Amino acid sequence: MIGIPAVIATKQDWLNVYQYVLANNNTEQKRSFRNRLIALNEARYMKKLKDGAPSDPEQQTQEHFEDVPDPASPFTQSGLTESEIEGMIGGLNAA
């Protein structure tokens, strides 16, 4: 592999790229991959309108929404856990 692929789909893909970045020891690749891991971790949830919230969008505020797990998110599709992602981020920071 040369560089970080544009599409990282499976858990094994994420782990392979992590090992590649650590072995390559390229600062720019570490930063780029760390940012992708952070974005993946933050994409776990979607906003859902709470029960009893006003149906008129003009009356809705942030308090009328709640975070719920997003089954279609890249995080869910990756098969990684939050602790695995945090471990990889920590490993990149330490390296």
PDB file of N, CA and C in Angstrom:
ATOM      1  N   MET A   1       0.848  -1.166   0.000  1.00  0.00           N
ATOM      2  CA  MET A   1       0.000   0.000   0.000  1.00  0.00           C
ATOM      3  C   MET A   1       0.899   1.237   0.000  1.00  0.00           C
ATOM      4  N   ILE A   2       0.503   2.210  -0.780  1.00  0.00           N
ATOM      5  CA  ILE A   2       1.215   3.482  -0.808  1.00  0.00           C
ATOM      6  C   ILE A   2       0.214   4.556  -0.427  1.00  0.00           C
ATOM      7  N   GLY A   3       0.408   5.189   0.708  1.00  0.00           N
ATOM      8  CA  GLY A   3      -0.506   6.214   1.182  1.00  0.00           C
ATOM      9  C   GLY A   3      -1.753   5.635   1.816  1.00  0.00           C
ATOM     10  N   ILE A   4      -2.614   6.526   2.220  1.00  0.00           N
ATOM     11  CA  ILE A   4      -3.865   6.137   2.878  1.00  0.00           C
ATOM     12  C   ILE A   4      -4.958   6.079   1.826  1.00  0.00           C
ATOM     13  N   PRO A   5      -5.685   4.955   1.738  1.00  0.00           N
ATOM     14  CA  PRO A   5      -6.755   4.852   0.733  1.00  0.00           C
ATOM     15  C   PRO A   5      -7.875   5.862   0.992  1.00  0.00           C
ATOM     16  N   ALA A   6      -8.531   6.252  -0.077  1.00  0.00           N
ATOM     17  CA  ALA A   6      -9.654   7.187   0.046  1.00  0.00           C
ATOM     18  C   ALA A   6     -10.831   6.527   0.752  1.00  0.00           C
ATOM     19  N   VAL A   7     -11.030   5.233   0.512  1.00  0.00           N
ATOM     20  CA  VAL A   7     -12.134   4.504   1.117  1.00  0.00           C
ATOM     21  C   VAL A   7     -11.562   3.434   2.041  1.00  0.00           C
ATOM     22  N   ILE A   8     -11.945   3.522   3.303  1.00  0.00           N
ATOM     23  CA  ILE A   8     -11.570   2.513   4.291  1.00  0.00           C
ATOM     24  C   ILE A   8     -12.891   1.968   4.815  1.00  0.00           C
ATOM     25  N   ALA A   9     -13.227   0.732   4.444  1.00  0.00           N
ATOM     26  CA  ALA A   9     -14.575   0.244   4.706  1.00  0.00           C
ATOM     27  C   ALA A   9     -14.684  -0.687   5.905  1.00  0.00           C
ATOM     28  N   THR A  10     -13.844  -1.685   5.973  1.00  0.00           N
ATOM     29  CA  THR A  10     -14.014  -2.725   6.990  1.00  0.00           C
ATOM     30  C   THR A  10     -13.092  -2.483   8.186  1.00  0.00           C
ATOM     31  N   LYS A  11     -13.376  -3.222   9.235  1.00  0.00           N
ATOM     32  CA  LYS A  11     -12.535  -3.136  10.436  1.00  0.00           C
ATOM     33  C   LYS A  11     -11.096  -3.496  10.100  1.00  0.00           C
ATOM     34  N   GLN A  12     -10.917  -4.530   9.307  1.00  0.00           N
ATOM     35  CA  GLN A  12      -9.562  -4.947   8.936  1.00  0.00           C
ATOM     36  C   GLN A  12      -8.869  -3.866   8.101  1.00  0.00           C
ATOM     37  N   ASP A  13      -9.606  -3.182   7.240  1.00  0.00           N
ATOM     38  CA  ASP A  13      -9.038  -2.075   6.478  1.00  0.00           C
ATOM     39  C   ASP A  13      -8.502  -0.996   7.419  1.00  0.00           C
ATOM     40  N   TRP A  14      -9.314  -0.627   8.432  1.00  0.00           N
ATOM     41  CA  TRP A  14      -8.892   0.403   9.382  1.00  0.00           C
ATOM     42  C   TRP A  14      -7.644  -0.043  10.142  1.00  0.00           C
ATOM     43  N   LEU A  15      -7.618  -1.310  10.564  1.00  0.00           N
ATOM     44  CA  LEU A  15      -6.458  -1.814  11.300  1.00  0.00           C
ATOM     45  C   LEU A  15      -5.223  -1.884  10.407  1.00  0.00           C
ATOM     46  N   ASN A  16      -5.396  -2.263   9.138  1.00  0.00           N
ATOM     47  CA  ASN A  16      -4.267  -2.304   8.208  1.00  0.00           C
ATOM     48  C   ASN A  16      -3.680  -0.914   7.974  1.00  0.00           C
ATOM     49  N   VAL A  17      -4.550   0.069   7.779  1.00  0.00           N
ATOM     50  CA  VAL A  17      -4.072   1.439   7.569  1.00  0.00           C
ATOM     51  C   VAL A  17      -3.365   1.939   8.827  1.00  0.00           C
ATOM     52  N   TYR A  18      -3.899   1.616   9.991  1.00  0.00           N
ATOM     53  CA  TYR A  18      -3.267   2.007  11.254  1.00  0.00           C
ATOM     54  C   TYR A  18      -1.852   1.436  11.339  1.00  0.00           C
ATOM     55  N   GLN A  19      -1.701   0.151  11.050  1.00  0.00           N
ATOM     56  CA  GLN A  19      -0.378  -0.479  11.091  1.00  0.00           C
ATOM     57  C   GLN A  19       0.560   0.145  10.050  1.00  0.00           C
ATOM     58  N   TYR A  20       0.026   0.437   8.866  1.00  0.00           N
ATOM     59  CA  TYR A  20       0.819   1.065   7.814  1.00  0.00           C
ATOM     60  C   TYR A  20       1.332   2.440   8.243  1.00  0.00           C
ATOM     61  N   VAL A  21       0.436   3.241   8.814  1.00  0.00           N
ATOM     62  CA  VAL A  21       0.811   4.595   9.226  1.00  0.00           C
ATOM     63  C   VAL A  21       1.860   4.546  10.340  1.00  0.00           C
ATOM     64  N   LEU A  22       1.692   3.623  11.282  1.00  0.00           N
ATOM     65  CA  LEU A  22       2.690   3.496  12.345  1.00  0.00           C
ATOM     66  C   LEU A  22       4.039   3.065  11.783  1.00  0.00           C
ATOM     67  N   ALA A  23       4.022   2.102  10.870  1.00  0.00           N
ATOM     68  CA  ALA A  23       5.267   1.594  10.300  1.00  0.00           C
ATOM     69  C   ALA A  23       5.949   2.627   9.413  1.00  0.00           C
ATOM     70  N   ASN A  24       5.159   3.404   8.701  1.00  0.00           N
ATOM     71  CA  ASN A  24       5.703   4.394   7.763  1.00  0.00           C
ATOM     72  C   ASN A  24       6.285   5.605   8.489  1.00  0.00           C
ATOM     73  N   ASN A  25       5.717   5.925   9.667  1.00  0.00           N
ATOM     74  CA  ASN A  25       6.193   7.024  10.512  1.00  0.00           C
ATOM     75  C   ASN A  25       6.246   8.371   9.782  1.00  0.00           C
ATOM     76  N   ASN A  26       5.213   8.629   8.975  1.00  0.00           N
ATOM     77  CA  ASN A  26       5.093   9.893   8.262  1.00  0.00           C
ATOM     78  C   ASN A  26       4.162  10.805   9.060  1.00  0.00           C
ATOM     79  N   THR A  27       4.647  11.944   9.482  1.00  0.00           N
ATOM     80  CA  THR A  27       3.883  12.850  10.337  1.00  0.00           C
ATOM     81  C   THR A  27       2.583  13.300   9.678  1.00  0.00           C
ATOM     82  N   GLU A  28       2.630  13.613   8.395  1.00  0.00           N
ATOM     83  CA  GLU A  28       1.430  14.074   7.687  1.00  0.00           C
ATOM     84  C   GLU A  28       0.386  12.961   7.611  1.00  0.00           C
ATOM     85  N   GLN A  29       0.820  11.731   7.356  1.00  0.00           N
ATOM     86  CA  GLN A  29      -0.120  10.615   7.305  1.00  0.00           C
ATOM     87  C   GLN A  29      -0.713  10.344   8.679  1.00  0.00           C
ATOM     88  N   LYS A  30       0.089  10.463   9.724  1.00  0.00           N
ATOM     89  CA  LYS A  30      -0.423  10.271  11.085  1.00  0.00           C
ATOM     90  C   LYS A  30      -1.511  11.293  11.385  1.00  0.00           C
ATOM     91  N   ARG A  31      -1.245  12.546  11.056  1.00  0.00           N
ATOM     92  CA  ARG A  31      -2.219  13.610  11.300  1.00  0.00           C
ATOM     93  C   ARG A  31      -3.496  13.368  10.510  1.00  0.00           C
ATOM     94  N   SER A  32      -3.349  13.016   9.243  1.00  0.00           N
ATOM     95  CA  SER A  32      -4.505  12.782   8.380  1.00  0.00           C
ATOM     96  C   SER A  32      -5.334  11.598   8.880  1.00  0.00           C
ATOM     97  N   PHE A  33      -4.673  10.502   9.227  1.00  0.00           N
ATOM     98  CA  PHE A  33      -5.396   9.323   9.691  1.00  0.00           C
ATOM     99  C   PHE A  33      -6.041   9.579  11.052  1.00  0.00           C
ATOM    100  N   ARG A  34      -5.351  10.291  11.931  1.00  0.00           N
ATOM    101  CA  ARG A  34      -5.920  10.646  13.240  1.00  0.00           C
ATOM    102  C   ARG A  34      -7.201  11.458  13.046  1.00  0.00           C
ATOM    103  N   ASN A  35      -7.176  12.407  12.122  1.00  0.00           N
ATOM    104  CA  ASN A  35      -8.364  13.220  11.846  1.00  0.00           C
ATOM    105  C   ASN A  35      -9.514  12.372  11.307  1.00  0.00           C
ATOM    106  N   ARG A  36      -9.208  11.384  10.487  1.00  0.00           N
ATOM    107  CA  ARG A  36     -10.246  10.500   9.964  1.00  0.00           C
ATOM    108  C   ARG A  36     -10.832   9.633  11.073  1.00  0.00           C
ATOM    109  N   LEU A  37      -9.990   9.187  12.000  1.00  0.00           N
ATOM    110  CA  LEU A  37     -10.486   8.403  13.129  1.00  0.00           C
ATOM    111  C   LEU A  37     -11.383   9.241  14.025  1.00  0.00           C
ATOM    112  N   ILE A  38     -10.994  10.477  14.262  1.00  0.00           N
ATOM    113  CA  ILE A  38     -11.819  11.375  15.079  1.00  0.00           C
ATOM    114  C   ILE A  38     -13.166  11.613  14.402  1.00  0.00           C
ATOM    115  N   ALA A  39     -13.152  11.857  13.101  1.00  0.00           N
ATOM    116  CA  ALA A  39     -14.399  12.071  12.358  1.00  0.00           C
ATOM    117  C   ALA A  39     -15.268  10.813  12.375  1.00  0.00           C
ATOM    118  N   LEU A  40     -14.640   9.652  12.258  1.00  0.00           N
ATOM    119  CA  LEU A  40     -15.383   8.392  12.315  1.00  0.00           C
ATOM    120  C   LEU A  40     -16.054   8.236  13.667  1.00  0.00           C
ATOM    121  N   ASN A  41     -15.341   8.534  14.722  1.00  0.00           N
ATOM    122  CA  ASN A  41     -15.872   8.413  16.078  1.00  0.00           C
ATOM    123  C   ASN A  41     -17.022   9.394  16.320  1.00  0.00           C
ATOM    124  N   GLU A  42     -16.939  10.573  15.750  1.00  0.00           N
ATOM    125  CA  GLU A  42     -17.975  11.581  15.944  1.00  0.00           C
ATOM    126  C   GLU A  42     -19.217  11.316  15.100  1.00  0.00           C
ATOM    127  N   ALA A  43     -19.109  10.416  14.126  1.00  0.00           N
ATOM    128  CA  ALA A  43     -20.237  10.138  13.219  1.00  0.00           C
ATOM    129  C   ALA A  43     -21.131   9.013  13.742  1.00  0.00           C
ATOM    130  N   ARG A  44     -21.028   8.707  15.017  1.00  0.00           N
ATOM    131  CA  ARG A  44     -21.785   7.579  15.572  1.00  0.00           C
ATOM    132  C   ARG A  44     -23.266   7.864  15.728  1.00  0.00           C
ATOM    133  N   TYR A  45     -23.637   9.109  15.874  1.00  0.00           N
ATOM    134  CA  TYR A  45     -25.013   9.448  16.231  1.00  0.00           C
ATOM    135  C   TYR A  45     -25.690  10.300  15.170  1.00  0.00           C
ATOM    136  N   MET A  46     -27.016  10.258  15.210  1.00  0.00           N
ATOM    137  CA  MET A  46     -27.828  11.163  14.400  1.00  0.00           C
ATOM    138  C   MET A  46     -28.826  11.841  15.335  1.00  0.00           C
ATOM    139  N   LYS A  47     -29.378  12.924  14.909  1.00  0.00           N
ATOM    140  CA  LYS A  47     -30.370  13.656  15.700  1.00  0.00           C
ATOM    141  C   LYS A  47     -31.765  13.098  15.426  1.00  0.00           C
ATOM    142  N   LYS A  48     -32.514  12.921  16.496  1.00  0.00           N
ATOM    143  CA  LYS A  48     -33.897  12.448  16.385  1.00  0.00           C
ATOM    144  C   LYS A  48     -34.781  13.405  17.159  1.00  0.00           C
ATOM    145  N   LEU A  49     -35.914  13.716  16.590  1.00  0.00           N
ATOM    146  CA  LEU A  49     -36.875  14.595  17.249  1.00  0.00           C
ATOM    147  C   LEU A  49     -37.481  13.860  18.439  1.00  0.00           C
ATOM    148  N   LYS A  50     -37.450  14.495  19.616  1.00  0.00           N
ATOM    149  CA  LYS A  50     -38.006  13.886  20.824  1.00  0.00           C
ATOM    150  C   LYS A  50     -39.520  13.813  20.743  1.00  0.00           C
ATOM    151  N   ASP A  51     -40.089  12.866  21.476  1.00  0.00           N
ATOM    152  CA  ASP A  51     -41.546  12.764  21.570  1.00  0.00           C
ATOM    153  C   ASP A  51     -42.086  14.021  22.248  1.00  0.00           C
ATOM    154  N   GLY A  52     -43.162  14.536  21.734  1.00  0.00           N
ATOM    155  CA  GLY A  52     -43.786  15.714  22.315  1.00  0.00           C
ATOM    156  C   GLY A  52     -43.203  17.028  21.817  1.00  0.00           C
ATOM    157  N   ALA A  53     -42.237  16.962  20.934  1.00  0.00           N
ATOM    158  CA  ALA A  53     -41.643  18.186  20.388  1.00  0.00           C
ATOM    159  C   ALA A  53     -42.599  18.801  19.366  1.00  0.00           C
ATOM    160  N   PRO A  54     -42.544  20.107  19.186  1.00  0.00           N
ATOM    161  CA  PRO A  54     -43.430  20.742  18.207  1.00  0.00           C
ATOM    162  C   PRO A  54     -43.156  20.224  16.798  1.00  0.00           C
ATOM    163  N   SER A  55     -44.198  20.050  16.025  1.00  0.00           N
ATOM    164  CA  SER A  55     -44.028  19.548  14.660  1.00  0.00           C
ATOM    165  C   SER A  55     -43.633  20.656  13.687  1.00  0.00           C
ATOM    166  N   ASP A  56     -43.868  21.887  14.067  1.00  0.00           N
ATOM    167  CA  ASP A  56     -43.503  23.021  13.218  1.00  0.00           C
ATOM    168  C   ASP A  56     -41.993  23.263  13.325  1.00  0.00           C
ATOM    169  N   PRO A  57     -41.253  23.128  12.230  1.00  0.00           N
ATOM    170  CA  PRO A  57     -39.799  23.311  12.276  1.00  0.00           C
ATOM    171  C   PRO A  57     -39.357  24.675  12.790  1.00  0.00           C
ATOM    172  N   GLU A  58     -40.188  25.689  12.594  1.00  0.00           N
ATOM    173  CA  GLU A  58     -39.816  27.024  13.058  1.00  0.00           C
ATOM    174  C   GLU A  58     -39.861  27.133  14.579  1.00  0.00           C
ATOM    175  N   GLN A  59     -40.566  26.236  15.239  1.00  0.00           N
ATOM    176  CA  GLN A  59     -40.654  26.256  16.702  1.00  0.00           C
ATOM    177  C   GLN A  59     -39.662  25.298  17.362  1.00  0.00           C
ATOM    178  N   GLN A  60     -38.996  24.494  16.573  1.00  0.00           N
ATOM    179  CA  GLN A  60     -38.065  23.503  17.129  1.00  0.00           C
ATOM    180  C   GLN A  60     -36.724  24.151  17.456  1.00  0.00           C
ATOM    181  N   THR A  61     -36.156  23.721  18.577  1.00  0.00           N
ATOM    182  CA  THR A  61     -34.815  24.164  18.980  1.00  0.00           C
ATOM    183  C   THR A  61     -33.953  22.922  19.213  1.00  0.00           C
ATOM    184  N   GLN A  62     -32.688  23.113  19.530  1.00  0.00           N
ATOM    185  CA  GLN A  62     -31.782  21.990  19.782  1.00  0.00           C
ATOM    186  C   GLN A  62     -32.275  21.108  20.926  1.00  0.00           C
ATOM    187  N   GLU A  63     -32.963  21.697  21.882  1.00  0.00           N
ATOM    188  CA  GLU A  63     -33.465  20.934  23.023  1.00  0.00           C
ATOM    189  C   GLU A  63     -34.549  19.921  22.629  1.00  0.00           C
ATOM    190  N   HIS A  64     -35.127  20.106  21.449  1.00  0.00           N
ATOM    191  CA  HIS A  64     -36.170  19.193  20.980  1.00  0.00           C
ATOM    192  C   HIS A  64     -35.596  17.946  20.295  1.00  0.00           C
ATOM    193  N   PHE A  65     -34.292  17.866  20.205  1.00  0.00           N
ATOM    194  CA  PHE A  65     -33.647  16.736  19.535  1.00  0.00           C
ATOM    195  C   PHE A  65     -32.775  15.969  20.512  1.00  0.00           C
ATOM    196  N   GLU A  66     -32.577  14.683  20.216  1.00  0.00           N
ATOM    197  CA  GLU A  66     -31.692  13.853  21.019  1.00  0.00           C
ATOM    198  C   GLU A  66     -30.780  13.058  20.089  1.00  0.00           C
ATOM    199  N   ASP A  67     -29.604  12.693  20.592  1.00  0.00           N
ATOM    200  CA  ASP A  67     -28.672  11.868  19.828  1.00  0.00           C
ATOM    201  C   ASP A  67     -29.057  10.401  19.985  1.00  0.00           C
ATOM    202  N   VAL A  68     -29.147   9.711  18.865  1.00  0.00           N
ATOM    203  CA  VAL A  68     -29.409   8.272  18.874  1.00  0.00           C
ATOM    204  C   VAL A  68     -28.379   7.606  17.957  1.00  0.00           C
ATOM    205  N   PRO A  69     -28.021   6.359  18.250  1.00  0.00           N
ATOM    206  CA  PRO A  69     -27.063   5.666  17.373  1.00  0.00           C
ATOM    207  C   PRO A  69     -27.582   5.612  15.937  1.00  0.00           C
ATOM    208  N   ASP A  70     -26.691   5.866  15.004  1.00  0.00           N
ATOM    209  CA  ASP A  70     -27.040   5.872  13.584  1.00  0.00           C
ATOM    210  C   ASP A  70     -26.611   4.539  12.967  1.00  0.00           C
ATOM    211  N   PRO A  71     -27.563   3.687  12.604  1.00  0.00           N
ATOM    212  CA  PRO A  71     -27.197   2.387  12.052  1.00  0.00           C
ATOM    213  C   PRO A  71     -26.537   2.470  10.679  1.00  0.00           C
ATOM    214  N   ALA A  72     -26.679   3.585   9.990  1.00  0.00           N
ATOM    215  CA  ALA A  72     -26.094   3.735   8.662  1.00  0.00           C
ATOM    216  C   ALA A  72     -24.795   4.539   8.686  1.00  0.00           C
ATOM    217  N   SER A  73     -24.303   4.858   9.865  1.00  0.00           N
ATOM    218  CA  SER A  73     -23.100   5.682   9.951  1.00  0.00           C
ATOM    219  C   SER A  73     -21.859   4.890   9.562  1.00  0.00           C
ATOM    220  N   PRO A  74     -20.828   5.575   9.111  1.00  0.00           N
ATOM    221  CA  PRO A  74     -19.560   4.896   8.818  1.00  0.00           C
ATOM    222  C   PRO A  74     -18.990   4.204  10.051  1.00  0.00           C
ATOM    223  N   PHE A  75     -19.242   4.757  11.232  1.00  0.00           N
ATOM    224  CA  PHE A  75     -18.770   4.129  12.469  1.00  0.00           C
ATOM    225  C   PHE A  75     -19.377   2.737  12.620  1.00  0.00           C
ATOM    226  N   THR A  76     -20.668   2.630  12.465  1.00  0.00           N
ATOM    227  CA  THR A  76     -21.351   1.346  12.600  1.00  0.00           C
ATOM    228  C   THR A  76     -20.880   0.373  11.525  1.00  0.00           C
ATOM    229  N   GLN A  77     -20.727   0.857  10.320  1.00  0.00           N
ATOM    230  CA  GLN A  77     -20.306   0.004   9.212  1.00  0.00           C
ATOM    231  C   GLN A  77     -18.862  -0.455   9.362  1.00  0.00           C
ATOM    232  N   SER A  78     -18.041   0.306  10.059  1.00  0.00           N
ATOM    233  CA  SER A  78     -16.624  -0.054  10.206  1.00  0.00           C
ATOM    234  C   SER A  78     -16.432  -1.275  11.093  1.00  0.00           C
ATOM    235  N   GLY A  79     -17.335  -1.493  12.031  1.00  0.00           N
ATOM    236  CA  GLY A  79     -17.185  -2.612  12.944  1.00  0.00           C
ATOM    237  C   GLY A  79     -16.250  -2.327  14.104  1.00  0.00           C
ATOM    238  N   LEU A  80     -15.712  -1.131  14.168  1.00  0.00           N
ATOM    239  CA  LEU A  80     -14.822  -0.750  15.266  1.00  0.00           C
ATOM    240  C   LEU A  80     -15.635  -0.325  16.484  1.00  0.00           C
ATOM    241  N   THR A  81     -15.031  -0.444  17.647  1.00  0.00           N
ATOM    242  CA  THR A  81     -15.651   0.057  18.858  1.00  0.00           C
ATOM    243  C   THR A  81     -15.031   1.405  19.206  1.00  0.00           C
ATOM    244  N   GLU A  82     -15.702   2.129  20.077  1.00  0.00           N
ATOM    245  CA  GLU A  82     -15.180   3.419  20.509  1.00  0.00           C
ATOM    246  C   GLU A  82     -13.805   3.255  21.160  1.00  0.00           C
ATOM    247  N   SER A  83     -13.637   2.216  21.960  1.00  0.00           N
ATOM    248  CA  SER A  83     -12.353   2.013  22.640  1.00  0.00           C
ATOM    249  C   SER A  83     -11.243   1.654  21.647  1.00  0.00           C
ATOM    250  N   GLU A  84     -11.573   0.925  20.583  1.00  0.00           N
ATOM    251  CA  GLU A  84     -10.564   0.615  19.561  1.00  0.00           C
ATOM    252  C   GLU A  84     -10.112   1.882  18.842  1.00  0.00           C
ATOM    253  N   ILE A  85     -11.062   2.745  18.535  1.00  0.00           N
ATOM    254  CA  ILE A  85     -10.717   4.007  17.859  1.00  0.00           C
ATOM    255  C   ILE A  85      -9.864   4.869  18.777  1.00  0.00           C
ATOM    256  N   GLU A  86     -10.264   4.986  20.048  1.00  0.00           N
ATOM    257  CA  GLU A  86      -9.481   5.777  20.994  1.00  0.00           C
ATOM    258  C   GLU A  86      -8.090   5.189  21.196  1.00  0.00           C
ATOM    259  N   GLY A  87      -7.983   3.862  21.170  1.00  0.00           N
ATOM    260  CA  GLY A  87      -6.675   3.215  21.270  1.00  0.00           C
ATOM    261  C   GLY A  87      -5.783   3.543  20.088  1.00  0.00           C
ATOM    262  N   MET A  88      -6.367   3.551  18.891  1.00  0.00           N
ATOM    263  CA  MET A  88      -5.580   3.899  17.695  1.00  0.00           C
ATOM    264  C   MET A  88      -5.165   5.366  17.745  1.00  0.00           C
ATOM    265  N   ILE A  89      -6.072   6.240  18.163  1.00  0.00           N
ATOM    266  CA  ILE A  89      -5.718   7.663  18.269  1.00  0.00           C
ATOM    267  C   ILE A  89      -4.594   7.847  19.278  1.00  0.00           C
ATOM    268  N   GLY A  90      -4.697   7.161  20.429  1.00  0.00           N
ATOM    269  CA  GLY A  90      -3.648   7.232  21.435  1.00  0.00           C
ATOM    270  C   GLY A  90      -2.326   6.694  20.907  1.00  0.00           C
ATOM    271  N   GLY A  91      -2.374   5.616  20.129  1.00  0.00           N
ATOM    272  CA  GLY A  91      -1.163   5.058  19.547  1.00  0.00           C
ATOM    273  C   GLY A  91      -0.520   5.996  18.555  1.00  0.00           C
ATOM    274  N   LEU A  92      -1.323   6.714  17.802  1.00  0.00           N
ATOM    275  CA  LEU A  92      -0.782   7.682  16.861  1.00  0.00           C
ATOM    276  C   LEU A  92      -0.178   8.876  17.577  1.00  0.00           C
ATOM    277  N   ASN A  93      -0.825   9.292  18.671  1.00  0.00           N
ATOM    278  CA  ASN A  93      -0.282  10.418  19.441  1.00  0.00           C
ATOM    279  C   ASN A  93       1.039  10.056  20.102  1.00  0.00           C
ATOM    280  N   ALA A  94       1.161   8.797  20.539  1.00  0.00           N
ATOM    281  CA  ALA A  94       2.375   8.369  21.233  1.00  0.00           C
ATOM    282  C   ALA A  94       3.537   8.125  20.269  1.00  0.00           C
ATOM    283  N   ALA A  95       3.197   7.760  19.028  1.00  0.00           N
ATOM    284  CA  ALA A  95       4.252   7.417  18.059  1.00  0.00           C
ATOM    285  C   ALA A  95       4.906   8.635  17.464  1.00  0.00           C
TER     286      ALA A  95
END
